């Protein structure tokens, strides 16, 4: 039987080393030896071993001290150690186990006992290593499966969003270009904001088109009214935020959760005068604050049934005047500092 195990025998007495190696040759291990603690540590640093048979009583660095050095080294600390000792006092044996030894064998050796203990601890060590490798492999597989499922779920959520947006466009007076421009404006605003990262930017981009999903539930005579809404009609129109929340709150997935935030909060005002909840300042999620500006900028600069388009200059001026009132002043500053980039979106889409 050939076992590809590497065993190191450490003893300052050459006859003891020879005796141990003669016994272990029965199982054809790959055997090495050292006659001091220092020599053993050098071999352990340079070669991989599966087991160390370590004499306790040695001049210089004895077996206990050698083992302490091993336990402090990440490369050697997990290698199992069987102590070889002529001592049989309980204190010494207890000390070796407290340090982490797997076993001890007293001299003189009984060949069958030495073979059996070495064999058992090698098998245990490699069973543990195999279990660790299997756990790592299983963990990697689980992580990959989770990543794939997450990706598929997000693709599915995006497909749902796209389908819903087609429905919104079919019943609203706002064209598909409106939601595309809002998404692009919101993405650029998120990109320029130090408060948001690349993940936020992408998430806002894919969910901003859902900001008016609640308008599916607004009566068409109000939704398409060419003139100004009455106070009563405006109250009905305001419910599109709550209606959106009712259909989007069912999921805590990141895409639909972000869509819920945006659809519910994009009409909240920075000073607390908005709807539906009268949130103010940081009570309004940053996603909602971003899309609020994007939605208003596009709505002001394009024709609606109830209004003619404003010039970009007038629209930017309006947003600037309402920084700290309707809009987050920090985001307003970012918008104005990059006005040409945002105007390009308004022109090109």
C-alpha atoms as a PDB file:
ATOM      1  CA  UNK A   1       0.000   0.000   0.000  1.00  0.00           C
ATOM      2  CA  UNK A   2       1.589   3.310  -1.077  1.00  0.00           C
ATOM      3  CA  UNK A   3       0.380   6.403   0.734  1.00  0.00           C
ATOM      4  CA  UNK A   4       1.522   9.774  -0.527  1.00  0.00           C
ATOM      5  CA  UNK A   5       1.881  11.265   2.961  1.00  0.00           C
ATOM      6  CA  UNK A   6       4.855  13.352   4.069  1.00  0.00           C
ATOM      7  CA  UNK A   7       5.986  12.693   7.639  1.00  0.00           C
ATOM      8  CA  UNK A   8       8.710  14.549   9.551  1.00  0.00           C
ATOM      9  CA  UNK A   9      10.483  12.833  12.476  1.00  0.00           C
ATOM     10  CA  UNK A  10      12.237  15.191  14.915  1.00  0.00           C
ATOM     11  CA  UNK A  11      14.593  13.830  17.585  1.00  0.00           C
ATOM     12  CA  UNK A  12      18.099  14.747  18.715  1.00  0.00           C
ATOM     13  CA  UNK A  13      19.048  11.044  19.004  1.00  0.00           C
ATOM     14  CA  UNK A  14      19.874   9.462  15.649  1.00  0.00           C
ATOM     15  CA  UNK A  15      19.024   5.914  16.859  1.00  0.00           C
ATOM     16  CA  UNK A  16      15.502   7.053  17.821  1.00  0.00           C
ATOM     17  CA  UNK A  17      15.001   8.598  14.394  1.00  0.00           C
ATOM     18  CA  UNK A  18      16.202   5.419  12.697  1.00  0.00           C
ATOM     19  CA  UNK A  19      13.885   3.283  14.809  1.00  0.00           C
ATOM     20  CA  UNK A  20      10.820   5.384  14.000  1.00  0.00           C
ATOM     21  CA  UNK A  21      11.635   5.532  10.300  1.00  0.00           C
ATOM     22  CA  UNK A  22      12.182   1.768  10.114  1.00  0.00           C
ATOM     23  CA  UNK A  23       8.746   1.172  11.598  1.00  0.00           C
ATOM     24  CA  UNK A  24       6.986   3.722   9.367  1.00  0.00           C
ATOM     25  CA  UNK A  25       8.608   2.347   6.209  1.00  0.00           C
ATOM     26  CA  UNK A  26       6.048  -0.439   6.471  1.00  0.00           C
ATOM     27  CA  UNK A  27       3.423   1.997   5.148  1.00  0.00           C
ATOM     28  CA  UNK A  28       5.768   3.576   2.595  1.00  0.00           C
ATOM     29  CA  UNK A  29       5.381   7.175   3.772  1.00  0.00           C
ATOM     30  CA  UNK A  30       7.616   9.920   2.407  1.00  0.00           C
ATOM     31  CA  UNK A  31       9.876  10.295   5.448  1.00  0.00           C
ATOM     32  CA  UNK A  32      12.145  13.187   6.467  1.00  0.00           C
ATOM     33  CA  UNK A  33      14.013  13.860   9.696  1.00  0.00           C
ATOM     34  CA  UNK A  34      15.527  16.674  11.749  1.00  0.00           C
ATOM     35  CA  UNK A  35      17.831  16.461  14.781  1.00  0.00           C
ATOM     36  CA  UNK A  36      16.905  19.812  16.328  1.00  0.00           C
ATOM     37  CA  UNK A  37      13.973  22.154  16.687  1.00  0.00           C
ATOM     38  CA  UNK A  38      15.651  24.776  14.479  1.00  0.00           C
ATOM     39  CA  UNK A  39      16.322  22.268  11.714  1.00  0.00           C
ATOM     40  CA  UNK A  40      12.722  21.046  11.919  1.00  0.00           C
ATOM     41  CA  UNK A  41      11.334  24.572  11.546  1.00  0.00           C
ATOM     42  CA  UNK A  42      13.503  25.168   8.470  1.00  0.00           C
ATOM     43  CA  UNK A  43      12.202  21.975   6.842  1.00  0.00           C
ATOM     44  CA  UNK A  44       8.613  22.841   7.745  1.00  0.00           C
ATOM     45  CA  UNK A  45       8.937  26.262   6.131  1.00  0.00           C
ATOM     46  CA  UNK A  46      10.339  24.863   2.912  1.00  0.00           C
ATOM     47  CA  UNK A  47       8.349  21.639   2.479  1.00  0.00           C
ATOM     48  CA  UNK A  48       4.774  20.524   2.983  1.00  0.00           C
ATOM     49  CA  UNK A  49       4.210  17.926   5.698  1.00  0.00           C
ATOM     50  CA  UNK A  50       1.124  16.009   6.731  1.00  0.00           C
ATOM     51  CA  UNK A  51       2.335  14.979  10.184  1.00  0.00           C
ATOM     52  CA  UNK A  52       5.197  15.727  12.593  1.00  0.00           C
ATOM     53  CA  UNK A  53       6.519  13.286  15.193  1.00  0.00           C
ATOM     54  CA  UNK A  54       8.226  15.630  17.657  1.00  0.00           C
ATOM     55  CA  UNK A  55      10.485  14.683  20.558  1.00  0.00           C
ATOM     56  CA  UNK A  56       9.953  16.778  23.687  1.00  0.00           C
ATOM     57  CA  UNK A  57      13.396  16.574  25.315  1.00  0.00           C
ATOM     58  CA  UNK A  58      15.920  18.172  22.959  1.00  0.00           C
ATOM     59  CA  UNK A  59      18.824  20.560  23.606  1.00  0.00           C
ATOM     60  CA  UNK A  60      18.409  24.149  22.465  1.00  0.00           C
ATOM     61  CA  UNK A  61      14.890  24.588  21.173  1.00  0.00           C
ATOM     62  CA  UNK A  62      12.998  21.709  22.770  1.00  0.00           C
ATOM     63  CA  UNK A  63       9.860  20.093  21.385  1.00  0.00           C
ATOM     64  CA  UNK A  64       7.439  22.283  23.367  1.00  0.00           C
ATOM     65  CA  UNK A  65       9.098  25.525  22.197  1.00  0.00           C
ATOM     66  CA  UNK A  66       9.340  24.243  18.623  1.00  0.00           C
ATOM     67  CA  UNK A  67       5.620  23.481  18.652  1.00  0.00           C
ATOM     68  CA  UNK A  68       4.815  26.960  19.991  1.00  0.00           C
ATOM     69  CA  UNK A  69       6.660  28.484  17.012  1.00  0.00           C
ATOM     70  CA  UNK A  70       4.698  26.226  14.667  1.00  0.00           C
ATOM     71  CA  UNK A  71       1.366  27.324  16.125  1.00  0.00           C
ATOM     72  CA  UNK A  72       2.234  30.998  15.540  1.00  0.00           C
ATOM     73  CA  UNK A  73       3.052  30.430  11.871  1.00  0.00           C
ATOM     74  CA  UNK A  74       0.096  30.370   9.409  1.00  0.00           C
ATOM     75  CA  UNK A  75       1.994  27.942   7.181  1.00  0.00           C
ATOM     76  CA  UNK A  76       2.555  25.344   9.924  1.00  0.00           C
ATOM     77  CA  UNK A  77      -0.114  25.890  12.566  1.00  0.00           C
ATOM     78  CA  UNK A  78      -2.559  23.293  11.203  1.00  0.00           C
ATOM     79  CA  UNK A  79      -0.047  20.452  10.726  1.00  0.00           C
ATOM     80  CA  UNK A  80      -0.887  17.700  13.251  1.00  0.00           C
ATOM     81  CA  UNK A  81       1.844  16.939  15.809  1.00  0.00           C
ATOM     82  CA  UNK A  82       2.338  13.740  17.791  1.00  0.00           C
ATOM     83  CA  UNK A  83       4.783  14.221  20.663  1.00  0.00           C
ATOM     84  CA  UNK A  84       7.394  11.541  21.335  1.00  0.00           C
ATOM     85  CA  UNK A  85       8.355  11.417  24.988  1.00  0.00           C
ATOM     86  CA  UNK A  86      10.006   9.268  27.590  1.00  0.00           C
ATOM     87  CA  UNK A  87       8.093  11.283  30.169  1.00  0.00           C
ATOM     88  CA  UNK A  88       4.809   9.931  31.439  1.00  0.00           C
ATOM     89  CA  UNK A  89       3.982  12.642  33.977  1.00  0.00           C
ATOM     90  CA  UNK A  90       0.464  14.032  33.668  1.00  0.00           C
ATOM     91  CA  UNK A  91       1.553  17.697  33.644  1.00  0.00           C
ATOM     92  CA  UNK A  92       3.738  17.306  30.556  1.00  0.00           C
ATOM     93  CA  UNK A  93       1.072  15.359  28.679  1.00  0.00           C
ATOM     94  CA  UNK A  94      -1.613  17.902  29.620  1.00  0.00           C
ATOM     95  CA  UNK A  95       0.632  20.742  28.465  1.00  0.00           C
ATOM     96  CA  UNK A  96       1.094  19.200  25.000  1.00  0.00           C
ATOM     97  CA  UNK A  97      -2.664  18.812  24.526  1.00  0.00           C
ATOM     98  CA  UNK A  98      -3.358  22.358  25.684  1.00  0.00           C
ATOM     99  CA  UNK A  99      -0.928  23.584  23.036  1.00  0.00           C
ATOM    100  CA  UNK A 100      -2.849  21.674  20.377  1.00  0.00           C
ATOM    101  CA  UNK A 101      -1.041  18.359  19.951  1.00  0.00           C
ATOM    102  CA  UNK A 102      -3.180  15.594  18.482  1.00  0.00           C
ATOM    103  CA  UNK A 103      -1.522  12.756  20.396  1.00  0.00           C
ATOM    104  CA  UNK A 104       1.571  11.539  22.269  1.00  0.00           C
ATOM    105  CA  UNK A 105       3.496   8.277  22.221  1.00  0.00           C
ATOM    106  CA  UNK A 106       5.839   7.152  24.970  1.00  0.00           C
ATOM    107  CA  UNK A 107       9.237   5.618  24.381  1.00  0.00           C
ATOM    108  CA  UNK A 108      10.139   2.821  23.813  1.00  0.00           C
ATOM    109  CA  UNK A 109       7.789   2.476  20.855  1.00  0.00           C
ATOM    110  CA  UNK A 110       5.538  -0.455  20.126  1.00  0.00           C
ATOM    111  CA  UNK A 111       5.577  -0.762  16.300  1.00  0.00           C
ATOM    112  CA  UNK A 112       1.882  -1.615  15.971  1.00  0.00           C
ATOM    113  CA  UNK A 113       0.870   1.290  18.225  1.00  0.00           C
ATOM    114  CA  UNK A 114       3.092   3.775  16.358  1.00  0.00           C
ATOM    115  CA  UNK A 115       1.785   2.617  12.963  1.00  0.00           C
ATOM    116  CA  UNK A 116      -1.837   2.723  14.081  1.00  0.00           C
ATOM    117  CA  UNK A 117      -1.649   6.200  15.621  1.00  0.00           C
ATOM    118  CA  UNK A 118       0.263   7.679  12.698  1.00  0.00           C
ATOM    119  CA  UNK A 119      -2.154   6.079  10.257  1.00  0.00           C
ATOM    120  CA  UNK A 120      -5.232   7.354  12.139  1.00  0.00           C
ATOM    121  CA  UNK A 121      -4.018  10.938  12.451  1.00  0.00           C
ATOM    122  CA  UNK A 122      -2.966  11.134   8.814  1.00  0.00           C
ATOM    123  CA  UNK A 123      -6.393   9.913   7.749  1.00  0.00           C
ATOM    124  CA  UNK A 124      -8.122  12.389  10.098  1.00  0.00           C
ATOM    125  CA  UNK A 125      -5.954  15.263   8.857  1.00  0.00           C
ATOM    126  CA  UNK A 126      -6.668  14.551   5.224  1.00  0.00           C
ATOM    127  CA  UNK A 127     -10.349  13.956   5.861  1.00  0.00           C
ATOM    128  CA  UNK A 128     -10.490  17.409   7.480  1.00  0.00           C
ATOM    129  CA  UNK A 129      -8.592  19.001   4.580  1.00  0.00           C
ATOM    130  CA  UNK A 130     -10.918  17.316   2.087  1.00  0.00           C
ATOM    131  CA  UNK A 131     -13.939  18.570   4.040  1.00  0.00           C
ATOM    132  CA  UNK A 132     -12.520  22.116   4.005  1.00  0.00           C
ATOM    133  CA  UNK A 133     -11.940  21.912   0.253  1.00  0.00           C
ATOM    134  CA  UNK A 134     -15.450  20.566  -0.300  1.00  0.00           C
ATOM    135  CA  UNK A 135     -16.890  23.353   1.857  1.00  0.00           C
ATOM    136  CA  UNK A 136     -14.968  25.969  -0.123  1.00  0.00           C
ATOM    137  CA  UNK A 137     -16.138  24.398  -3.373  1.00  0.00           C
ATOM    138  CA  UNK A 138     -19.727  24.236  -2.118  1.00  0.00           C
ATOM    139  CA  UNK A 139     -19.552  27.843  -0.933  1.00  0.00           C
ATOM    140  CA  UNK A 140     -18.246  28.926  -4.340  1.00  0.00           C
ATOM    141  CA  UNK A 141     -21.017  27.007  -6.085  1.00  0.00           C
ATOM    142  CA  UNK A 142     -23.652  28.535  -3.793  1.00  0.00           C
ATOM    143  CA  UNK A 143     -22.299  32.040  -4.386  1.00  0.00           C
ATOM    144  CA  UNK A 144     -22.351  31.495  -8.154  1.00  0.00           C
ATOM    145  CA  UNK A 145     -25.888  30.105  -7.980  1.00  0.00           C
ATOM    146  CA  UNK A 146     -27.031  33.081  -5.878  1.00  0.00           C
ATOM    147  CA  UNK A 147     -25.376  35.495  -8.306  1.00  0.00           C
ATOM    148  CA  UNK A 148     -27.042  33.801 -11.284  1.00  0.00           C
ATOM    149  CA  UNK A 149     -30.463  33.763  -9.600  1.00  0.00           C
ATOM    150  CA  UNK A 150     -30.044  37.420  -8.577  1.00  0.00           C
ATOM    151  CA  UNK A 151     -29.142  38.335 -12.149  1.00  0.00           C
ATOM    152  CA  UNK A 152     -32.104  36.409 -13.571  1.00  0.00           C
ATOM    153  CA  UNK A 153     -34.462  38.014 -11.051  1.00  0.00           C
ATOM    154  CA  UNK A 154     -33.215  41.494 -11.902  1.00  0.00           C
ATOM    155  CA  UNK A 155     -33.575  40.785 -15.634  1.00  0.00           C
ATOM    156  CA  UNK A 156     -37.111  39.566 -14.971  1.00  0.00           C
ATOM    157  CA  UNK A 157     -37.883  42.659 -12.902  1.00  0.00           C
ATOM    158  CA  UNK A 158     -36.549  44.889 -15.679  1.00  0.00           C
ATOM    159  CA  UNK A 159     -38.699  43.070 -18.238  1.00  0.00           C
ATOM    160  CA  UNK A 160     -41.722  43.643 -15.984  1.00  0.00           C
ATOM    161  CA  UNK A 161     -40.838  47.324 -15.713  1.00  0.00           C
ATOM    162  CA  UNK A 162     -40.454  47.635 -19.491  1.00  0.00           C
ATOM    163  CA  UNK A 163     -43.822  45.955 -20.051  1.00  0.00           C
ATOM    164  CA  UNK A 164     -45.527  48.197 -17.512  1.00  0.00           C
ATOM    165  CA  UNK A 165     -44.001  51.293 -19.083  1.00  0.00           C
ATOM    166  CA  UNK A 166     -45.505  50.377 -22.440  1.00  0.00           C
ATOM    167  CA  UNK A 167     -48.889  50.235 -20.726  1.00  0.00           C
ATOM    168  CA  UNK A 168     -48.285  53.618 -19.048  1.00  0.00           C
ATOM    169  CA  UNK A 169     -47.332  55.201 -22.363  1.00  0.00           C
ATOM    170  CA  UNK A 170     -50.472  53.811 -23.992  1.00  0.00           C
ATOM    171  CA  UNK A 171     -52.779  55.534 -21.477  1.00  0.00           C
ATOM    172  CA  UNK A 172     -50.771  58.682 -20.742  1.00  0.00           C
ATOM    173  CA  UNK A 173     -50.176  61.845 -22.720  1.00  0.00           C
ATOM    174  CA  UNK A 174     -46.472  61.455 -22.018  1.00  0.00           C
ATOM    175  CA  UNK A 175     -44.440  59.797 -24.769  1.00  0.00           C
ATOM    176  CA  UNK A 176     -41.889  57.051 -24.392  1.00  0.00           C
ATOM    177  CA  UNK A 177     -39.246  59.682 -24.979  1.00  0.00           C
ATOM    178  CA  UNK A 178     -40.264  61.383 -21.741  1.00  0.00           C
ATOM    179  CA  UNK A 179     -39.409  58.352 -19.620  1.00  0.00           C
ATOM    180  CA  UNK A 180     -36.162  57.842 -21.546  1.00  0.00           C
ATOM    181  CA  UNK A 181     -35.126  61.446 -20.993  1.00  0.00           C
ATOM    182  CA  UNK A 182     -36.033  61.272 -17.308  1.00  0.00           C
ATOM    183  CA  UNK A 183     -33.918  58.108 -16.989  1.00  0.00           C
ATOM    184  CA  UNK A 184     -30.944  59.714 -18.752  1.00  0.00           C
ATOM    185  CA  UNK A 185     -31.187  62.966 -16.774  1.00  0.00           C
ATOM    186  CA  UNK A 186     -31.505  61.054 -13.502  1.00  0.00           C
ATOM    187  CA  UNK A 187     -28.555  58.825 -14.395  1.00  0.00           C
ATOM    188  CA  UNK A 188     -26.324  61.798 -15.212  1.00  0.00           C
ATOM    189  CA  UNK A 189     -27.372  63.603 -12.030  1.00  0.00           C
ATOM    190  CA  UNK A 190     -26.573  60.455  -9.997  1.00  0.00           C
ATOM    191  CA  UNK A 191     -23.219  60.088 -11.758  1.00  0.00           C
ATOM    192  CA  UNK A 192     -22.225  63.655 -10.906  1.00  0.00           C
ATOM    193  CA  UNK A 193     -23.341  63.341  -7.280  1.00  0.00           C
ATOM    194  CA  UNK A 194     -20.660  62.332  -4.736  1.00  0.00           C
ATOM    195  CA  UNK A 195     -23.446  60.904  -2.571  1.00  0.00           C
ATOM    196  CA  UNK A 196     -24.156  58.079  -5.042  1.00  0.00           C
ATOM    197  CA  UNK A 197     -22.027  55.292  -6.498  1.00  0.00           C
ATOM    198  CA  UNK A 198     -22.058  53.406  -9.807  1.00  0.00           C
ATOM    199  CA  UNK A 199     -24.574  50.848  -8.526  1.00  0.00           C
ATOM    200  CA  UNK A 200     -26.938  53.630  -7.470  1.00  0.00           C
ATOM    201  CA  UNK A 201     -26.517  55.292 -10.857  1.00  0.00           C
ATOM    202  CA  UNK A 202     -27.486  52.141 -12.744  1.00  0.00           C
ATOM    203  CA  UNK A 203     -30.359  51.352 -10.387  1.00  0.00           C
ATOM    204  CA  UNK A 204     -31.822  54.846 -10.764  1.00  0.00           C
ATOM    205  CA  UNK A 205     -31.479  54.596 -14.540  1.00  0.00           C
ATOM    206  CA  UNK A 206     -33.450  51.345 -14.827  1.00  0.00           C
ATOM    207  CA  UNK A 207     -36.163  52.335 -12.332  1.00  0.00           C
ATOM    208  CA  UNK A 208     -36.716  56.060 -13.040  1.00  0.00           C
ATOM    209  CA  UNK A 209     -39.058  55.191 -15.949  1.00  0.00           C
ATOM    210  CA  UNK A 210     -41.458  53.795 -13.341  1.00  0.00           C
ATOM    211  CA  UNK A 211     -41.971  57.163 -11.646  1.00  0.00           C
ATOM    212  CA  UNK A 212     -45.520  57.640 -13.013  1.00  0.00           C
ATOM    213  CA  UNK A 213     -46.685  54.010 -12.980  1.00  0.00           C
ATOM    214  CA  UNK A 214     -49.518  55.041 -10.621  1.00  0.00           C
ATOM    215  CA  UNK A 215     -51.141  57.041 -13.424  1.00  0.00           C
ATOM    216  CA  UNK A 216     -52.512  53.753 -14.722  1.00  0.00           C
ATOM    217  CA  UNK A 217     -55.154  54.118 -12.008  1.00  0.00           C
ATOM    218  CA  UNK A 218     -56.096  57.748 -12.641  1.00  0.00           C
ATOM    219  CA  UNK A 219     -59.396  58.271 -14.551  1.00  0.00           C
ATOM    220  CA  UNK A 220     -58.661  59.233 -18.182  1.00  0.00           C
ATOM    221  CA  UNK A 221     -60.869  62.346 -18.022  1.00  0.00           C
ATOM    222  CA  UNK A 222     -58.518  63.710 -15.354  1.00  0.00           C
ATOM    223  CA  UNK A 223     -55.311  62.297 -16.803  1.00  0.00           C
ATOM    224  CA  UNK A 224     -55.980  63.761 -20.258  1.00  0.00           C
ATOM    225  CA  UNK A 225     -57.765  66.972 -19.274  1.00  0.00           C
ATOM    226  CA  UNK A 226     -56.412  69.741 -21.555  1.00  0.00           C
ATOM    227  CA  UNK A 227     -56.852  72.566 -19.066  1.00  0.00           C
ATOM    228  CA  UNK A 228     -55.931  73.154 -15.464  1.00  0.00           C
ATOM    229  CA  UNK A 229     -57.234  70.611 -12.954  1.00  0.00           C
ATOM    230  CA  UNK A 230     -59.729  71.653 -10.321  1.00  0.00           C
ATOM    231  CA  UNK A 231     -58.611  71.283  -6.678  1.00  0.00           C
ATOM    232  CA  UNK A 232     -60.719  68.117  -6.434  1.00  0.00           C
ATOM    233  CA  UNK A 233     -59.229  66.682  -9.631  1.00  0.00           C
ATOM    234  CA  UNK A 234     -55.728  67.517  -8.464  1.00  0.00           C
ATOM    235  CA  UNK A 235     -56.345  65.566  -5.244  1.00  0.00           C
ATOM    236  CA  UNK A 236     -57.264  62.553  -7.388  1.00  0.00           C
ATOM    237  CA  UNK A 237     -54.158  63.059  -9.544  1.00  0.00           C
ATOM    238  CA  UNK A 238     -51.958  63.125  -6.426  1.00  0.00           C
ATOM    239  CA  UNK A 239     -53.087  59.604  -5.548  1.00  0.00           C
ATOM    240  CA  UNK A 240     -50.968  58.158  -8.363  1.00  0.00           C
ATOM    241  CA  UNK A 241     -48.013  58.096  -5.933  1.00  0.00           C
ATOM    242  CA  UNK A 242     -49.902  56.043  -3.314  1.00  0.00           C
ATOM    243  CA  UNK A 243     -51.398  53.756  -5.962  1.00  0.00           C
ATOM    244  CA  UNK A 244     -47.882  53.102  -7.294  1.00  0.00           C
ATOM    245  CA  UNK A 245     -46.701  52.240  -3.798  1.00  0.00           C
ATOM    246  CA  UNK A 246     -49.527  49.731  -3.355  1.00  0.00           C
ATOM    247  CA  UNK A 247     -48.460  47.713  -6.381  1.00  0.00           C
ATOM    248  CA  UNK A 248     -44.675  48.017  -5.900  1.00  0.00           C
ATOM    249  CA  UNK A 249     -44.403  47.489  -2.151  1.00  0.00           C
ATOM    250  CA  UNK A 250     -45.017  43.755  -2.543  1.00  0.00           C
ATOM    251  CA  UNK A 251     -41.315  43.120  -3.246  1.00  0.00           C
ATOM    252  CA  UNK A 252     -38.144  43.883  -1.327  1.00  0.00           C
ATOM    253  CA  UNK A 253     -35.965  43.088  -4.358  1.00  0.00           C
ATOM    254  CA  UNK A 254     -33.588  45.939  -5.019  1.00  0.00           C
ATOM    255  CA  UNK A 255     -34.988  46.885  -8.446  1.00  0.00           C
ATOM    256  CA  UNK A 256     -38.656  46.982  -7.522  1.00  0.00           C
ATOM    257  CA  UNK A 257     -37.820  48.505  -4.142  1.00  0.00           C
ATOM    258  CA  UNK A 258     -36.000  51.367  -5.878  1.00  0.00           C
ATOM    259  CA  UNK A 259     -38.916  51.763  -8.302  1.00  0.00           C
ATOM    260  CA  UNK A 260     -41.288  51.961  -5.330  1.00  0.00           C
ATOM    261  CA  UNK A 261     -39.207  54.700  -3.682  1.00  0.00           C
ATOM    262  CA  UNK A 262     -39.050  56.764  -6.869  1.00  0.00           C
ATOM    263  CA  UNK A 263     -42.712  56.359  -7.828  1.00  0.00           C
ATOM    264  CA  UNK A 264     -43.873  57.231  -4.307  1.00  0.00           C
ATOM    265  CA  UNK A 265     -41.506  60.092  -3.459  1.00  0.00           C
ATOM    266  CA  UNK A 266     -40.737  61.998  -6.672  1.00  0.00           C
ATOM    267  CA  UNK A 267     -43.407  64.610  -5.817  1.00  0.00           C
ATOM    268  CA  UNK A 268     -42.159  65.218  -2.284  1.00  0.00           C
ATOM    269  CA  UNK A 269     -40.653  68.715  -1.834  1.00  0.00           C
ATOM    270  CA  UNK A 270     -37.434  69.465  -0.018  1.00  0.00           C
ATOM    271  CA  UNK A 271     -39.219  71.920   2.309  1.00  0.00           C
ATOM    272  CA  UNK A 272     -41.943  69.416   3.217  1.00  0.00           C
ATOM    273  CA  UNK A 273     -44.703  70.967   1.072  1.00  0.00           C
ATOM    274  CA  UNK A 274     -44.973  68.062  -1.361  1.00  0.00           C
ATOM    275  CA  UNK A 275     -47.033  64.882  -1.434  1.00  0.00           C
ATOM    276  CA  UNK A 276     -48.090  62.210  -0.568  1.00  0.00           C
ATOM    277  CA  UNK A 277     -46.465  62.253   2.898  1.00  0.00           C
ATOM    278  CA  UNK A 278     -45.059  65.770   3.267  1.00  0.00           C
ATOM    279  CA  UNK A 279     -41.526  64.463   3.725  1.00  0.00           C
ATOM    280  CA  UNK A 280     -38.719  67.004   3.859  1.00  0.00           C
ATOM    281  CA  UNK A 281     -34.969  67.166   3.320  1.00  0.00           C
ATOM    282  CA  UNK A 282     -33.224  63.822   4.006  1.00  0.00           C
ATOM    283  CA  UNK A 283     -36.543  62.195   4.912  1.00  0.00           C
ATOM    284  CA  UNK A 284     -36.969  61.986   1.139  1.00  0.00           C
ATOM    285  CA  UNK A 285     -34.842  59.186  -0.262  1.00  0.00           C
ATOM    286  CA  UNK A 286     -32.002  60.452  -2.439  1.00  0.00           C
ATOM    287  CA  UNK A 287     -33.378  58.452  -5.387  1.00  0.00           C
ATOM    288  CA  UNK A 288     -36.648  60.365  -5.068  1.00  0.00           C
ATOM    289  CA  UNK A 289     -34.836  63.709  -4.874  1.00  0.00           C
ATOM    290  CA  UNK A 290     -32.848  62.908  -8.033  1.00  0.00           C
ATOM    291  CA  UNK A 291     -35.874  61.844 -10.088  1.00  0.00           C
ATOM    292  CA  UNK A 292     -37.913  64.836  -8.846  1.00  0.00           C
ATOM    293  CA  UNK A 293     -35.499  67.178 -10.628  1.00  0.00           C
ATOM    294  CA  UNK A 294     -35.235  64.973 -13.727  1.00  0.00           C
ATOM    295  CA  UNK A 295     -39.021  64.715 -14.072  1.00  0.00           C
ATOM    296  CA  UNK A 296     -39.663  68.452 -13.652  1.00  0.00           C
ATOM    297  CA  UNK A 297     -36.849  69.469 -15.999  1.00  0.00           C
ATOM    298  CA  UNK A 298     -38.213  67.299 -18.779  1.00  0.00           C
ATOM    299  CA  UNK A 299     -41.855  68.166 -18.129  1.00  0.00           C
ATOM    300  CA  UNK A 300     -41.151  71.897 -18.232  1.00  0.00           C
ATOM    301  CA  UNK A 301     -39.191  71.757 -21.498  1.00  0.00           C
ATOM    302  CA  UNK A 302     -41.711  69.646 -23.444  1.00  0.00           C
ATOM    303  CA  UNK A 303     -45.311  70.167 -24.532  1.00  0.00           C
ATOM    304  CA  UNK A 304     -48.161  68.780 -22.486  1.00  0.00           C
ATOM    305  CA  UNK A 305     -51.924  68.865 -23.108  1.00  0.00           C
ATOM    306  CA  UNK A 306     -52.210  71.576 -20.470  1.00  0.00           C
ATOM    307  CA  UNK A 307     -49.093  73.668 -21.348  1.00  0.00           C
ATOM    308  CA  UNK A 308     -46.611  74.747 -23.992  1.00  0.00           C
ATOM    309  CA  UNK A 309     -42.924  73.908 -23.610  1.00  0.00           C
ATOM    310  CA  UNK A 310     -40.597  76.214 -21.715  1.00  0.00           C
ATOM    311  CA  UNK A 311     -37.158  77.145 -22.976  1.00  0.00           C
ATOM    312  CA  UNK A 312     -34.309  75.284 -21.260  1.00  0.00           C
ATOM    313  CA  UNK A 313     -33.072  78.586 -19.810  1.00  0.00           C
ATOM    314  CA  UNK A 314     -36.440  79.261 -18.168  1.00  0.00           C
ATOM    315  CA  UNK A 315     -36.663  75.691 -16.860  1.00  0.00           C
ATOM    316  CA  UNK A 316     -33.173  75.773 -15.331  1.00  0.00           C
ATOM    317  CA  UNK A 317     -33.946  79.155 -13.794  1.00  0.00           C
ATOM    318  CA  UNK A 318     -37.135  77.790 -12.239  1.00  0.00           C
ATOM    319  CA  UNK A 319     -35.255  74.833 -10.722  1.00  0.00           C
ATOM    320  CA  UNK A 320     -32.522  77.164  -9.441  1.00  0.00           C
ATOM    321  CA  UNK A 321     -35.097  79.429  -7.792  1.00  0.00           C
ATOM    322  CA  UNK A 322     -36.681  76.425  -6.091  1.00  0.00           C
ATOM    323  CA  UNK A 323     -33.490  74.921  -4.711  1.00  0.00           C
ATOM    324  CA  UNK A 324     -34.059  74.323  -1.002  1.00  0.00           C
ATOM    325  CA  UNK A 325     -37.831  74.631  -1.550  1.00  0.00           C
ATOM    326  CA  UNK A 326     -39.007  72.014  -4.022  1.00  0.00           C
ATOM    327  CA  UNK A 327     -35.589  70.520  -4.772  1.00  0.00           C
ATOM    328  CA  UNK A 328     -32.473  69.318  -2.962  1.00  0.00           C
ATOM    329  CA  UNK A 329     -30.129  72.351  -3.167  1.00  0.00           C
ATOM    330  CA  UNK A 330     -27.024  70.161  -3.504  1.00  0.00           C
ATOM    331  CA  UNK A 331     -28.504  68.389  -6.510  1.00  0.00           C
ATOM    332  CA  UNK A 332     -29.630  71.719  -7.966  1.00  0.00           C
ATOM    333  CA  UNK A 333     -26.032  72.968  -7.759  1.00  0.00           C
ATOM    334  CA  UNK A 334     -24.831  69.843  -9.589  1.00  0.00           C
ATOM    335  CA  UNK A 335     -27.490  70.364 -12.276  1.00  0.00           C
ATOM    336  CA  UNK A 336     -26.515  73.987 -12.853  1.00  0.00           C
ATOM    337  CA  UNK A 337     -22.781  73.238 -12.852  1.00  0.00           C
ATOM    338  CA  UNK A 338     -23.355  70.722 -15.665  1.00  0.00           C
ATOM    339  CA  UNK A 339     -26.170  72.537 -17.471  1.00  0.00           C
ATOM    340  CA  UNK A 340     -24.790  71.974 -20.985  1.00  0.00           C
ATOM    341  CA  UNK A 341     -24.642  68.198 -20.472  1.00  0.00           C
ATOM    342  CA  UNK A 342     -28.258  68.111 -19.330  1.00  0.00           C
ATOM    343  CA  UNK A 343     -29.376  70.337 -22.191  1.00  0.00           C
ATOM    344  CA  UNK A 344     -27.784  67.839 -24.608  1.00  0.00           C
ATOM    345  CA  UNK A 345     -30.067  65.113 -23.253  1.00  0.00           C
ATOM    346  CA  UNK A 346     -33.105  67.365 -23.731  1.00  0.00           C
ATOM    347  CA  UNK A 347     -32.093  68.074 -27.345  1.00  0.00           C
ATOM    348  CA  UNK A 348     -30.929  64.651 -28.464  1.00  0.00           C
ATOM    349  CA  UNK A 349     -33.666  62.313 -27.176  1.00  0.00           C
END
